[in-house]
Amino acid sequence: MFVPIGLAFGSMQQCVLTMEEMWQYVDEEVERIVPFHAEEMWDKFPTHTFDDTLRVAEISLAPGEASRLESLEAAA
């Protein structure tokens, strides 16, 4: 069962339908849904925090691709 949490805008029915669609899209593997608003996400994935406190997380890389975060850390 899906229950919208916190503050949401628009139709609650549409929120629930969208969550259902996301869940189906990831083959019902809820751990594949990335809640960008959840603070613990920034601890789960490699992250860079900029001086203005904005953050970017590296969710996945294609095989053979180098981390883009390493160049951000070197420039900081």
Protein backbone atom coordinates (compact mmCIF):
# COMPACT_ATOMS: atom_id res chain seq x y z
CA MET A 1 0.00 0.00 0.00
CA PHE A 2 1.31 3.46 -0.88
CA VAL A 3 0.63 6.41 1.40
CA PRO A 4 1.88 9.89 0.45
CA ILE A 5 3.96 11.31 3.30
CA GLY A 6 4.78 14.87 4.19
CA LEU A 7 3.70 17.83 2.14
CA ALA A 8 2.49 17.13 -1.38
CA PHE A 9 0.93 19.37 -3.98
CA GLY A 10 -1.81 18.48 -6.42
CA SER A 11 -3.93 15.39 -6.45
CA MET A 12 -3.21 12.78 -3.77
CA GLN A 13 -4.71 10.21 -6.11
CA GLN A 14 -2.15 11.18 -8.76
CA CYS A 15 0.66 10.95 -6.17
CA VAL A 16 -0.36 7.38 -5.33
CA LEU A 17 -0.74 6.44 -9.00
CA THR A 18 2.70 7.89 -9.76
CA MET A 19 4.26 5.92 -6.90
CA GLU A 20 2.60 2.76 -8.24
CA GLU A 21 3.96 3.50 -11.72
CA MET A 22 7.49 4.01 -10.35
CA TRP A 23 7.23 0.77 -8.37
CA GLN A 24 6.15 -1.16 -11.46
CA TYR A 25 8.91 0.46 -13.54
CA VAL A 26 11.60 -0.89 -11.18
CA ASP A 27 10.05 -4.38 -11.14
CA GLU A 28 8.74 -3.88 -7.59
CA GLU A 29 12.29 -3.46 -6.23
CA VAL A 30 11.65 -0.50 -3.96
CA GLU A 31 15.38 -0.12 -3.20
CA ARG A 32 15.81 1.05 -6.82
CA ILE A 33 13.68 4.13 -6.18
CA VAL A 34 15.87 7.07 -5.17
CA PRO A 35 14.06 9.51 -2.86
CA PHE A 36 16.10 12.63 -3.63
CA HIS A 37 14.50 14.50 -0.72
CA ALA A 38 15.57 11.91 1.89
CA GLU A 39 18.63 13.03 3.86
CA GLU A 40 19.97 9.48 4.21
CA MET A 41 20.37 9.29 0.43
CA TRP A 42 23.39 11.57 0.72
CA ASP A 43 25.04 9.00 3.00
CA LYS A 44 24.14 6.02 0.81
CA PHE A 45 25.75 7.24 -2.43
CA PRO A 46 29.02 9.02 -3.20
CA THR A 47 28.27 12.73 -2.83
CA HIS A 48 29.88 16.11 -3.33
CA THR A 49 28.68 19.16 -1.40
CA PHE A 50 29.35 22.56 -2.95
CA ASP A 51 30.18 25.73 -1.01
CA ASP A 52 26.56 26.88 -1.30
CA THR A 53 25.47 23.56 0.35
CA LEU A 54 23.92 22.16 -2.83
CA ARG A 55 24.81 18.51 -3.37
CA VAL A 56 25.20 16.04 -6.20
CA ALA A 57 25.12 12.27 -5.71
CA GLU A 58 26.57 9.71 -8.07
CA ILE A 59 23.89 7.02 -8.28
CA SER A 60 25.53 4.71 -10.81
CA LEU A 61 28.22 4.60 -13.46
CA ALA A 62 28.33 2.77 -16.77
CA PRO A 63 30.96 0.02 -16.90
CA GLY A 64 34.40 1.55 -17.40
CA GLU A 65 33.29 5.10 -16.61
CA ALA A 66 35.31 7.12 -14.13
CA SER A 67 33.69 8.94 -11.23
CA ARG A 68 32.81 12.56 -11.99
CA LEU A 69 32.93 13.31 -8.28
CA GLU A 70 36.69 12.80 -8.14
CA SER A 71 37.24 15.81 -10.43
CA LEU A 72 34.87 17.89 -8.29
CA GLU A 73 36.77 16.97 -5.13
CA ALA A 74 40.11 17.78 -6.77
CA ALA A 75 38.84 21.21 -7.84
CA ALA A 76 37.51 22.03 -4.36
